[in-house]
PDB file of N, CA and C in Angstrom:
ATOM      1  N   ILE A   1     114.415  70.384 105.267  1.00  0.00           N
ATOM      2  CA  ILE A   1     113.835  70.174 106.347  1.00  0.00           C
ATOM      3  C   ILE A   1     112.884  68.821 106.341  1.00  0.00           C
ATOM      4  N   GLU A   2     112.306  69.013 105.309  1.00  0.00           N
ATOM      5  CA  GLU A   2     111.060  67.955 104.652  1.00  0.00           C
ATOM      6  C   GLU A   2     111.787  66.808 104.593  1.00  0.00           C
ATOM      7  N   ASN A   3     112.854  66.755 104.023  1.00  0.00           N
ATOM      8  CA  ASN A   3     113.850  65.281 104.040  1.00  0.00           C
ATOM      9  C   ASN A   3     113.993  64.712 105.258  1.00  0.00           C
ATOM     10  N   LYS A   4     114.813  65.904 106.157  1.00  0.00           N
ATOM     11  CA  LYS A   4     115.391  65.434 107.264  1.00  0.00           C
ATOM     12  C   LYS A   4     114.262  64.857 108.211  1.00  0.00           C
ATOM     13  N   SER A   5     112.720  65.633 108.303  1.00  0.00           N
ATOM     14  CA  SER A   5     111.881  65.137 109.054  1.00  0.00           C
ATOM     15  C   SER A   5     111.348  63.840 108.842  1.00  0.00           C
ATOM     16  N   PHE A   6     111.470  63.592 107.465  1.00  0.00           N
ATOM     17  CA  PHE A   6     110.845  62.182 106.864  1.00  0.00           C
ATOM     18  C   PHE A   6     111.996  61.049 107.316  1.00  0.00           C
ATOM     19  N   LEU A   7     113.002  61.349 107.210  1.00  0.00           N
ATOM     20  CA  LEU A   7     114.132  59.966 107.620  1.00  0.00           C
ATOM     21  C   LEU A   7     114.054  60.029 109.270  1.00  0.00           C
ATOM     22  N   PHE A   8     113.769  61.209 109.832  1.00  0.00           N
ATOM     23  CA  PHE A   8     113.761  61.235 111.224  1.00  0.00           C
ATOM     24  C   PHE A   8     112.540  60.154 111.641  1.00  0.00           C
ATOM     25  N   ALA A   9     111.413  60.290 111.029  1.00  0.00           N
ATOM     26  CA  ALA A   9     110.353  59.631 111.345  1.00  0.00           C
ATOM     27  C   ALA A   9     110.374  57.910 110.919  1.00  0.00           C
ATOM     28  N   VAL A  10     111.243  57.791 109.929  1.00  0.00           N
ATOM     29  CA  VAL A  10     111.512  56.310 109.558  1.00  0.00           C
ATOM     30  C   VAL A  10     112.342  55.950 110.898  1.00  0.00           C
ATOM     31  N   ARG A  11     113.150  56.400 111.694  1.00  0.00           N
ATOM     32  CA  ARG A  11     114.220  56.045 112.454  1.00  0.00           C
ATOM     33  C   ARG A  11     113.293  55.698 113.749  1.00  0.00           C
ATOM     34  N   ILE A  12     112.205  56.869 113.932  1.00  0.00           N
ATOM     35  CA  ILE A  12     111.337  56.851 115.089  1.00  0.00           C
ATOM     36  C   ILE A  12     110.411  55.497 115.033  1.00  0.00           C
ATOM     37  N   ALA A  13     109.872  55.302 113.681  1.00  0.00           N
ATOM     38  CA  ALA A  13     109.118  54.186 113.622  1.00  0.00           C
ATOM     39  C   ALA A  13     109.665  52.711 113.644  1.00  0.00           C
ATOM     40  N   LYS A  14     111.224  52.612 113.366  1.00  0.00           N
ATOM     41  CA  LYS A  14     111.554  51.454 113.475  1.00  0.00           C
ATOM     42  C   LYS A  14     111.896  51.242 115.072  1.00  0.00           C
ATOM     43  N   LEU A  15     112.415  52.321 115.804  1.00  0.00           N
ATOM     44  CA  LEU A  15     112.848  52.364 117.103  1.00  0.00           C
ATOM     45  C   LEU A  15     111.335  51.851 118.087  1.00  0.00           C
ATOM     46  N   CYS A  16     110.231  52.426 117.676  1.00  0.00           N
ATOM     47  CA  CYS A  16     108.914  52.071 118.289  1.00  0.00           C
ATOM     48  C   CYS A  16     108.533  50.592 117.814  1.00  0.00           C
ATOM     49  N   ARG A  17     109.077  49.994 116.598  1.00  0.00           N
ATOM     50  CA  ARG A  17     108.753  48.588 116.386  1.00  0.00           C
ATOM     51  C   ARG A  17     109.621  47.663 117.158  1.00  0.00           C
ATOM     52  N   TYR A  18     110.868  48.181 117.378  1.00  0.00           N
ATOM     53  CA  TYR A  18     111.857  47.694 118.360  1.00  0.00           C
ATOM     54  C   TYR A  18     111.348  47.428 119.856  1.00  0.00           C
ATOM     55  N   LEU A  19     110.918  48.662 120.321  1.00  0.00           N
ATOM     56  CA  LEU A  19     110.336  48.776 121.545  1.00  0.00           C
ATOM     57  C   LEU A  19     109.284  47.761 121.973  1.00  0.00           C
ATOM     58  N   GLN A  20     108.285  47.724 120.991  1.00  0.00           N
ATOM     59  CA  GLN A  20     106.994  46.799 121.071  1.00  0.00           C
ATOM     60  C   GLN A  20     107.597  45.223 120.846  1.00  0.00           C
ATOM     61  N   GLU A  21     108.160  45.085 119.803  1.00  0.00           N
ATOM     62  CA  GLU A  21     108.493  43.584 119.702  1.00  0.00           C
ATOM     63  C   GLU A  21     109.506  43.134 120.713  1.00  0.00           C
ATOM     64  N   GLU A  22     110.492  43.795 120.946  1.00  0.00           N
ATOM     65  CA  GLU A  22     111.572  43.350 121.907  1.00  0.00           C
ATOM     66  C   GLU A  22     111.473  43.495 123.262  1.00  0.00           C
ATOM     67  N   LYS A  23     111.041  44.715 123.483  1.00  0.00           N
ATOM     68  CA  LYS A  23     111.165  45.163 125.115  1.00  0.00           C
ATOM     69  C   LYS A  23     109.575  45.302 125.414  1.00  0.00           C
ATOM     70  N   LYS A  24     108.607  45.009 124.426  1.00  0.00           N
ATOM     71  CA  LYS A  24     107.184  44.695 124.859  1.00  0.00           C
ATOM     72  C   LYS A  24     106.565  46.088 125.800  1.00  0.00           C
ATOM     73  N   GLU A  25     107.220  47.231 125.338  1.00  0.00           N
ATOM     74  CA  GLU A  25     106.655  48.452 125.687  1.00  0.00           C
ATOM     75  C   GLU A  25     105.803  48.935 124.731  1.00  0.00           C
ATOM     76  N   TYR A  26     104.451  49.488 125.047  1.00  0.00           N
ATOM     77  CA  TYR A  26     103.702  49.637 124.092  1.00  0.00           C
ATOM     78  C   TYR A  26     103.038  51.369 124.148  1.00  0.00           C
ATOM     79  N   ILE A  27     103.276  51.731 125.664  1.00  0.00           N
ATOM     80  CA  ILE A  27     102.397  53.064 126.029  1.00  0.00           C
ATOM     81  C   ILE A  27     103.390  53.838 125.362  1.00  0.00           C
ATOM     82  N   LEU A  28     104.552  54.315 125.997  1.00  0.00           N
ATOM     83  CA  LEU A  28     105.274  55.435 125.693  1.00  0.00           C
ATOM     84  C   LEU A  28     105.877  55.471 124.360  1.00  0.00           C
ATOM     85  N   SER A  29     106.214  54.156 123.737  1.00  0.00           N
ATOM     86  CA  SER A  29     106.441  54.186 122.242  1.00  0.00           C
ATOM     87  C   SER A  29     105.239  54.501 121.324  1.00  0.00           C
ATOM     88  N   LYS A  30     104.047  54.240 121.792  1.00  0.00           N
ATOM     89  CA  LYS A  30     102.853  54.672 120.858  1.00  0.00           C
ATOM     90  C   LYS A  30     103.018  56.418 120.736  1.00  0.00           C
ATOM     91  N   GLN A  31     103.141  56.960 121.981  1.00  0.00           N
ATOM     92  CA  GLN A  31     103.329  58.356 122.158  1.00  0.00           C
ATOM     93  C   GLN A  31     104.437  58.884 121.460  1.00  0.00           C
ATOM     94  N   LEU A  32     105.664  57.911 121.362  1.00  0.00           N
ATOM     95  CA  LEU A  32     106.712  58.730 120.417  1.00  0.00           C
ATOM     96  C   LEU A  32     106.587  58.264 119.110  1.00  0.00           C
ATOM     97  N   LEU A  33     105.925  57.405 118.742  1.00  0.00           N
ATOM     98  CA  LEU A  33     105.562  57.168 117.329  1.00  0.00           C
ATOM     99  C   LEU A  33     104.497  58.219 116.730  1.00  0.00           C
ATOM    100  N   ARG A  34     103.378  58.650 117.390  1.00  0.00           N
ATOM    101  CA  ARG A  34     102.602  59.463 117.253  1.00  0.00           C
ATOM    102  C   ARG A  34     103.530  61.124 117.092  1.00  0.00           C
ATOM    103  N   ALA A  35     104.010  61.339 118.155  1.00  0.00           N
ATOM    104  CA  ALA A  35     104.696  62.810 118.110  1.00  0.00           C
ATOM    105  C   ALA A  35     106.055  62.693 117.005  1.00  0.00           C
ATOM    106  N   GLY A  36     106.865  61.708 117.344  1.00  0.00           N
ATOM    107  CA  GLY A  36     107.820  61.742 116.123  1.00  0.00           C
ATOM    108  C   GLY A  36     107.562  61.879 114.609  1.00  0.00           C
ATOM    109  N   THR A  37     106.354  61.133 114.253  1.00  0.00           N
ATOM    110  CA  THR A  37     105.966  60.924 112.769  1.00  0.00           C
ATOM    111  C   THR A  37     105.196  62.284 112.420  1.00  0.00           C
ATOM    112  N   SER A  38     104.693  62.793 113.436  1.00  0.00           N
ATOM    113  CA  SER A  38     103.688  64.382 113.099  1.00  0.00           C
ATOM    114  C   SER A  38     104.725  65.120 112.878  1.00  0.00           C
ATOM    115  N   ILE A  39     105.815  65.466 113.240  1.00  0.00           N
ATOM    116  CA  ILE A  39     106.682  66.543 112.537  1.00  0.00           C
ATOM    117  C   ILE A  39     106.750  66.546 111.313  1.00  0.00           C
ATOM    118  N   GLY A  40     107.079  65.338 110.749  1.00  0.00           N
ATOM    119  CA  GLY A  40     107.079  65.582 109.142  1.00  0.00           C
ATOM    120  C   GLY A  40     106.113  65.618 108.419  1.00  0.00           C
ATOM    121  N   ALA A  41     104.877  65.163 109.064  1.00  0.00           N
ATOM    122  CA  ALA A  41     103.487  65.255 108.552  1.00  0.00           C
ATOM    123  C   ALA A  41     103.066  66.602 108.348  1.00  0.00           C
ATOM    124  N   ASN A  42     103.447  67.278 109.391  1.00  0.00           N
ATOM    125  CA  ASN A  42     102.919  68.730 109.341  1.00  0.00           C
ATOM    126  C   ASN A  42     103.998  69.542 108.424  1.00  0.00           C
ATOM    127  N   ILE A  43     105.306  69.256 108.621  1.00  0.00           N
ATOM    128  CA  ILE A  43     106.048  70.073 107.611  1.00  0.00           C
ATOM    129  C   ILE A  43     105.710  69.827 106.189  1.00  0.00           C
ATOM    130  N   HIS A  44     105.324  68.744 105.735  1.00  0.00           N
ATOM    131  CA  HIS A  44     104.809  68.087 104.650  1.00  0.00           C
ATOM    132  C   HIS A  44     103.384  68.817 104.185  1.00  0.00           C
ATOM    133  N   GLU A  45     102.512  69.099 105.164  1.00  0.00           N
ATOM    134  CA  GLU A  45     101.250  69.672 104.977  1.00  0.00           C
ATOM    135  C   GLU A  45     101.467  71.066 104.935  1.00  0.00           C
ATOM    136  N   ALA A  46     102.352  71.778 105.511  1.00  0.00           N
ATOM    137  CA  ALA A  46     102.706  73.054 105.356  1.00  0.00           C
ATOM    138  C   ALA A  46     103.045  73.480 104.094  1.00  0.00           C
ATOM    139  N   GLN A  47     103.649  72.554 103.022  1.00  0.00           N
ATOM    140  CA  GLN A  47     103.772  73.095 101.574  1.00  0.00           C
ATOM    141  C   GLN A  47     102.703  73.197 101.120  1.00  0.00           C
ATOM    142  N   TYR A  48     101.593  72.860 101.520  1.00  0.00           N
ATOM    143  CA  TYR A  48     100.254  72.901 100.769  1.00  0.00           C
ATOM    144  C   TYR A  48      99.493  73.939 101.683  1.00  0.00           C
ATOM    145  N   ALA A  49      99.986  74.699 102.506  1.00  0.00           N
ATOM    146  CA  ALA A  49      99.054  75.399 103.095  1.00  0.00           C
ATOM    147  C   ALA A  49      98.097  76.411 102.320  1.00  0.00           C
ATOM    148  N   GLN A  50      97.144  77.064 103.042  1.00  0.00           N
ATOM    149  CA  GLN A  50      96.121  77.764 102.434  1.00  0.00           C
ATOM    150  C   GLN A  50      96.521  79.359 102.696  1.00  0.00           C
ATOM    151  N   GLY A  51      97.718  79.700 102.703  1.00  0.00           N
ATOM    152  CA  GLY A  51      98.262  80.893 103.035  1.00  0.00           C
ATOM    153  C   GLY A  51      99.213  81.043 104.025  1.00  0.00           C
ATOM    154  N   LYS A  52      99.816  82.371 104.375  1.00  0.00           N
ATOM    155  CA  LYS A  52     100.893  82.298 105.232  1.00  0.00           C
ATOM    156  C   LYS A  52     100.544  81.925 106.633  1.00  0.00           C
ATOM    157  N   LYS A  53      99.436  82.420 107.170  1.00  0.00           N
ATOM    158  CA  LYS A  53      98.978  82.168 108.479  1.00  0.00           C
ATOM    159  C   LYS A  53      99.104  80.383 108.811  1.00  0.00           C
ATOM    160  N   ASP A  54      98.404  79.773 107.753  1.00  0.00           N
ATOM    161  CA  ASP A  54      98.279  78.433 107.732  1.00  0.00           C
ATOM    162  C   ASP A  54      99.791  77.575 107.395  1.00  0.00           C
ATOM    163  N   PHE A  55     100.697  78.090 106.706  1.00  0.00           N
ATOM    164  CA  PHE A  55     101.864  77.840 106.700  1.00  0.00           C
ATOM    165  C   PHE A  55     102.611  77.963 108.143  1.00  0.00           C
ATOM    166  N   ILE A  56     102.582  78.982 108.724  1.00  0.00           N
ATOM    167  CA  ILE A  56     103.112  79.318 109.999  1.00  0.00           C
ATOM    168  C   ILE A  56     102.508  78.160 111.142  1.00  0.00           C
ATOM    169  N   SER A  57     101.286  77.991 111.067  1.00  0.00           N
ATOM    170  CA  SER A  57     100.758  77.446 111.866  1.00  0.00           C
ATOM    171  C   SER A  57     101.152  75.707 111.829  1.00  0.00           C
ATOM    172  N   LYS A  58     101.238  75.412 110.695  1.00  0.00           N
ATOM    173  CA  LYS A  58     101.967  74.029 110.485  1.00  0.00           C
ATOM    174  C   LYS A  58     102.977  73.815 111.157  1.00  0.00           C
ATOM    175  N   LEU A  59     103.780  74.742 110.963  1.00  0.00           N
ATOM    176  CA  LEU A  59     105.166  74.576 111.118  1.00  0.00           C
ATOM    177  C   LEU A  59     105.386  74.717 112.806  1.00  0.00           C
ATOM    178  N   GLU A  60     104.364  75.613 113.310  1.00  0.00           N
ATOM    179  CA  GLU A  60     104.663  75.854 114.875  1.00  0.00           C
ATOM    180  C   GLU A  60     103.945  74.226 115.428  1.00  0.00           C
ATOM    181  N   ILE A  61     102.905  73.783 114.743  1.00  0.00           N
ATOM    182  CA  ILE A  61     102.584  72.444 115.253  1.00  0.00           C
ATOM    183  C   ILE A  61     103.750  71.464 115.068  1.00  0.00           C
ATOM    184  N   ALA A  62     104.415  71.523 114.096  1.00  0.00           N
ATOM    185  CA  ALA A  62     105.732  70.558 113.820  1.00  0.00           C
ATOM    186  C   ALA A  62     106.471  70.953 114.923  1.00  0.00           C
ATOM    187  N   LEU A  63     106.865  72.102 115.309  1.00  0.00           N
ATOM    188  CA  LEU A  63     107.651  72.453 116.383  1.00  0.00           C
ATOM    189  C   LEU A  63     107.137  71.908 117.771  1.00  0.00           C
ATOM    190  N   LYS A  64     106.284  71.994 118.194  1.00  0.00           N
ATOM    191  CA  LYS A  64     105.675  71.569 119.305  1.00  0.00           C
ATOM    192  C   LYS A  64     105.736  69.781 119.300  1.00  0.00           C
ATOM    193  N   GLU A  65     105.402  69.228 118.206  1.00  0.00           N
ATOM    194  CA  GLU A  65     105.566  67.821 118.089  1.00  0.00           C
ATOM    195  C   GLU A  65     107.219  67.282 118.265  1.00  0.00           C
ATOM    196  N   ALA A  66     107.860  68.125 117.727  1.00  0.00           N
ATOM    197  CA  ALA A  66     109.395  67.910 118.001  1.00  0.00           C
ATOM    198  C   ALA A  66     109.659  68.104 119.465  1.00  0.00           C
ATOM    199  N   SER A  67     109.060  69.010 120.013  1.00  0.00           N
ATOM    200  CA  SER A  67     109.395  69.458 121.546  1.00  0.00           C
ATOM    201  C   SER A  67     109.099  67.950 121.990  1.00  0.00           C
ATOM    202  N   GLU A  68     107.868  67.568 121.863  1.00  0.00           N
ATOM    203  CA  GLU A  68     107.223  66.411 122.624  1.00  0.00           C
ATOM    204  C   GLU A  68     107.933  65.225 122.399  1.00  0.00           C
ATOM    205  N   THR A  69     108.466  65.171 121.164  1.00  0.00           N
ATOM    206  CA  THR A  69     109.400  63.970 120.784  1.00  0.00           C
ATOM    207  C   THR A  69     110.498  63.681 121.725  1.00  0.00           C
ATOM    208  N   GLY A  70     111.197  65.058 121.763  1.00  0.00           N
ATOM    209  CA  GLY A  70     112.336  65.142 122.861  1.00  0.00           C
ATOM    210  C   GLY A  70     111.983  64.748 123.942  1.00  0.00           C
ATOM    211  N   TYR A  71     110.990  65.046 124.708  1.00  0.00           N
ATOM    212  CA  TYR A  71     110.515  64.271 126.064  1.00  0.00           C
ATOM    213  C   TYR A  71     110.058  63.119 126.317  1.00  0.00           C
ATOM    214  N   TRP A  72     109.622  62.247 125.107  1.00  0.00           N
ATOM    215  CA  TRP A  72     109.336  60.813 125.127  1.00  0.00           C
ATOM    216  C   TRP A  72     110.841  60.117 124.943  1.00  0.00           C
ATOM    217  N   LEU A  73     111.577  60.851 124.278  1.00  0.00           N
ATOM    218  CA  LEU A  73     112.891  60.156 124.025  1.00  0.00           C
ATOM    219  C   LEU A  73     113.440  60.063 125.348  1.00  0.00           C
ATOM    220  N   GLU A  74     113.653  61.273 126.176  1.00  0.00           N
ATOM    221  CA  GLU A  74     114.215  61.227 127.419  1.00  0.00           C
ATOM    222  C   GLU A  74     113.713  60.386 128.442  1.00  0.00           C
ATOM    223  N   LEU A  75     112.480  60.396 128.021  1.00  0.00           N
ATOM    224  CA  LEU A  75     111.793  59.498 129.422  1.00  0.00           C
ATOM    225  C   LEU A  75     111.980  57.967 129.173  1.00  0.00           C
ATOM    226  N   LEU A  76     112.054  57.581 127.529  1.00  0.00           N
ATOM    227  CA  LEU A  76     112.682  56.476 127.488  1.00  0.00           C
ATOM    228  C   LEU A  76     113.843  56.080 127.810  1.00  0.00           C
ATOM    229  N   TYR A  77     114.764  56.990 127.738  1.00  0.00           N
ATOM    230  CA  TYR A  77     116.123  56.765 128.173  1.00  0.00           C
ATOM    231  C   TYR A  77     116.337  56.746 129.671  1.00  0.00           C
ATOM    232  N   ARG A  78     115.558  57.509 130.188  1.00  0.00           N
ATOM    233  CA  ARG A  78     115.781  57.585 131.799  1.00  0.00           C
ATOM    234  C   ARG A  78     115.184  56.230 132.379  1.00  0.00           C
ATOM    235  N   THR A  79     114.032  55.818 131.754  1.00  0.00           N
ATOM    236  CA  THR A  79     113.421  54.611 132.152  1.00  0.00           C
ATOM    237  C   THR A  79     114.098  53.229 131.643  1.00  0.00           C
ATOM    238  N   LYS A  80     115.317  53.385 130.856  1.00  0.00           N
ATOM    239  CA  LYS A  80     116.275  52.475 130.232  1.00  0.00           C
ATOM    240  C   LYS A  80     115.405  51.419 129.128  1.00  0.00           C
ATOM    241  N   TYR A  81     114.640  52.169 128.621  1.00  0.00           N
ATOM    242  CA  TYR A  81     113.988  51.287 127.455  1.00  0.00           C
ATOM    243  C   TYR A  81     115.059  51.501 126.370  1.00  0.00           C
ATOM    244  N   ILE A  82     115.750  52.482 126.263  1.00  0.00           N
ATOM    245  CA  ILE A  82     116.838  52.834 125.202  1.00  0.00           C
ATOM    246  C   ILE A  82     118.042  53.152 125.716  1.00  0.00           C
ATOM    247  N   ASP A  83     118.933  52.661 125.003  1.00  0.00           N
ATOM    248  CA  ASP A  83     120.467  53.140 125.456  1.00  0.00           C
ATOM    249  C   ASP A  83     120.847  54.544 125.457  1.00  0.00           C
ATOM    250  N   ALA A  84     122.054  54.825 125.992  1.00  0.00           N
ATOM    251  CA  ALA A  84     122.503  56.072 125.980  1.00  0.00           C
ATOM    252  C   ALA A  84     123.028  56.688 124.305  1.00  0.00           C
ATOM    253  N   GLN A  85     123.428  55.813 123.444  1.00  0.00           N
ATOM    254  CA  GLN A  85     123.827  56.059 122.096  1.00  0.00           C
ATOM    255  C   GLN A  85     122.448  56.140 121.377  1.00  0.00           C
ATOM    256  N   THR A  86     121.532  55.410 121.455  1.00  0.00           N
ATOM    257  CA  THR A  86     120.291  55.701 120.739  1.00  0.00           C
ATOM    258  C   THR A  86     119.584  57.167 121.028  1.00  0.00           C
ATOM    259  N   PHE A  87     119.403  57.287 122.443  1.00  0.00           N
ATOM    260  CA  PHE A  87     119.149  58.567 122.710  1.00  0.00           C
ATOM    261  C   PHE A  87     119.836  59.636 122.427  1.00  0.00           C
ATOM    262  N   LYS A  88     121.187  59.473 122.548  1.00  0.00           N
ATOM    263  CA  LYS A  88     121.953  60.803 121.914  1.00  0.00           C
ATOM    264  C   LYS A  88     121.592  61.079 120.597  1.00  0.00           C
ATOM    265  N   THR A  89     121.676  59.948 119.688  1.00  0.00           N
ATOM    266  CA  THR A  89     121.575  60.236 118.102  1.00  0.00           C
ATOM    267  C   THR A  89     120.158  60.554 117.907  1.00  0.00           C
ATOM    268  N   LEU A  90     119.181  60.328 118.527  1.00  0.00           N
ATOM    269  CA  LEU A  90     117.811  60.807 118.064  1.00  0.00           C
ATOM    270  C   LEU A  90     117.572  62.173 118.717  1.00  0.00           C
ATOM    271  N   SER A  91     118.149  62.389 120.139  1.00  0.00           N
ATOM    272  CA  SER A  91     117.883  63.540 120.596  1.00  0.00           C
ATOM    273  C   SER A  91     118.877  64.674 120.054  1.00  0.00           C
ATOM    274  N   SER A  92     119.595  64.291 119.171  1.00  0.00           N
ATOM    275  CA  SER A  92     120.502  65.204 118.513  1.00  0.00           C
ATOM    276  C   SER A  92     119.869  65.826 117.290  1.00  0.00           C
ATOM    277  N   LYS A  93     118.989  64.561 116.539  1.00  0.00           N
ATOM    278  CA  LYS A  93     118.325  64.840 115.468  1.00  0.00           C
ATOM    279  C   LYS A  93     117.390  65.729 115.602  1.00  0.00           C
ATOM    280  N   CYS A  94     116.446  65.244 116.802  1.00  0.00           N
ATOM    281  CA  CYS A  94     115.309  65.932 116.990  1.00  0.00           C
ATOM    282  C   CYS A  94     115.559  67.486 117.476  1.00  0.00           C
ATOM    283  N   THR A  95     116.814  67.687 118.304  1.00  0.00           N
ATOM    284  CA  THR A  95     117.151  69.315 118.195  1.00  0.00           C
ATOM    285  C   THR A  95     117.722  70.163 117.162  1.00  0.00           C
ATOM    286  N   SER A  96     118.308  69.310 116.294  1.00  0.00           N
ATOM    287  CA  SER A  96     118.402  69.941 114.832  1.00  0.00           C
ATOM    288  C   SER A  96     117.239  70.378 114.103  1.00  0.00           C
ATOM    289  N   LEU A  97     116.175  69.357 114.058  1.00  0.00           N
ATOM    290  CA  LEU A  97     114.781  69.780 113.665  1.00  0.00           C
ATOM    291  C   LEU A  97     114.281  70.873 114.126  1.00  0.00           C
ATOM    292  N   ARG A  98     114.371  70.933 115.672  1.00  0.00           N
ATOM    293  CA  ARG A  98     113.598  71.984 116.312  1.00  0.00           C
ATOM    294  C   ARG A  98     114.022  73.333 115.932  1.00  0.00           C
ATOM    295  N   ALA A  99     115.655  73.452 115.662  1.00  0.00           N
ATOM    296  CA  ALA A  99     116.371  74.707 115.413  1.00  0.00           C
ATOM    297  C   ALA A  99     115.987  75.019 114.123  1.00  0.00           C
ATOM    298  N   MET A 100     115.874  74.180 113.186  1.00  0.00           N
ATOM    299  CA  MET A 100     115.462  74.422 111.784  1.00  0.00           C
ATOM    300  C   MET A 100     114.052  75.136 111.904  1.00  0.00           C
ATOM    301  N   LEU A 101     112.916  74.263 112.315  1.00  0.00           N
ATOM    302  CA  LEU A 101     111.817  74.784 112.729  1.00  0.00           C
ATOM    303  C   LEU A 101     111.340  75.956 113.166  1.00  0.00           C
ATOM    304  N   ILE A 102     112.331  76.354 114.184  1.00  0.00           N
ATOM    305  CA  ILE A 102     112.556  77.977 114.955  1.00  0.00           C
ATOM    306  C   ILE A 102     112.944  78.776 113.933  1.00  0.00           C
ATOM    307  N   ALA A 103     113.638  78.451 113.169  1.00  0.00           N
ATOM    308  CA  ALA A 103     114.488  79.466 112.147  1.00  0.00           C
ATOM    309  C   ALA A 103     113.206  79.553 111.049  1.00  0.00           C
ATOM    310  N   SER A 104     112.667  78.401 110.636  1.00  0.00           N
ATOM    311  CA  SER A 104     111.769  78.576 109.529  1.00  0.00           C
ATOM    312  C   SER A 104     110.525  79.450 109.921  1.00  0.00           C
ATOM    313  N   CYS A 105     110.072  79.114 111.232  1.00  0.00           N
ATOM    314  CA  CYS A 105     109.070  79.932 111.877  1.00  0.00           C
ATOM    315  C   CYS A 105     109.418  81.531 111.618  1.00  0.00           C
ATOM    316  N   ARG A 106     110.451  82.056 112.114  1.00  0.00           N
ATOM    317  CA  ARG A 106     110.847  83.161 112.340  1.00  0.00           C
ATOM    318  C   ARG A 106     110.701  83.956 110.937  1.00  0.00           C
ATOM    319  N   THR A 107     111.784  83.115 110.113  1.00  0.00           N
ATOM    320  CA  THR A 107     111.633  83.594 108.332  1.00  0.00           C
ATOM    321  C   THR A 107     110.358  83.970 107.902  1.00  0.00           C
ATOM    322  N   ALA A 108     109.362  82.963 108.054  1.00  0.00           N
ATOM    323  CA  ALA A 108     108.301  83.303 107.558  1.00  0.00           C
ATOM    324  C   ALA A 108     107.433  84.429 108.238  1.00  0.00           C
ATOM    325  N   LYS A 109     107.627  84.493 109.445  1.00  0.00           N
ATOM    326  CA  LYS A 109     106.874  85.564 110.363  1.00  0.00           C
ATOM    327  C   LYS A 109     107.261  86.862 110.038  1.00  0.00           C
ATOM    328  N   GLU A 110     108.638  86.898 109.823  1.00  0.00           N
ATOM    329  CA  GLU A 110     109.555  88.269 109.105  1.00  0.00           C
ATOM    330  C   GLU A 110     109.116  88.416 107.501  1.00  0.00           C
ATOM    331  N   ASN A 111     108.977  87.518 107.027  1.00  0.00           N
ATOM    332  CA  ASN A 111     108.377  87.686 105.538  1.00  0.00           C
ATOM    333  C   ASN A 111     107.128  88.171 105.348  1.00  0.00           C
ATOM    334  N   GLY A 112     106.499  88.030 106.203  1.00  0.00           N
ATOM    335  CA  GLY A 112     104.960  88.315 106.257  1.00  0.00           C
ATOM    336  C   GLY A 112     104.651  89.844 106.836  1.00  0.00           C
ATOM    337  N   LYS A 113     105.604  90.446 107.232  1.00  0.00           N
ATOM    338  CA  LYS A 113     105.358  91.579 107.632  1.00  0.00           C
ATOM    339  C   LYS A 113     105.610  92.995 106.849  1.00  0.00           C
TER     340      LYS A 113
END
């Protein structure tokens, strides 16, 4: 999950650069950049958590950021800043990360009981 979230962040960063340089879109792209890169940052930080509660908290924050990223992607698509293929590809990867995070949170909580 850490590697997948990092690769996703790279794609988000490249998309945001494109949006800013080619489409002159700065507001939504900055929101997407913040949320989309925060997923991996929180997953990475969870690896060095100060205990089970902290670990779960970091994963839950990553999950929230993934949900927010999905929102920004859909908004950019519906406002025609990104095309259907870009949206489908990134949205699918984002959904996959959310599913992995949900499963990881569930497993961590079950193992803590």
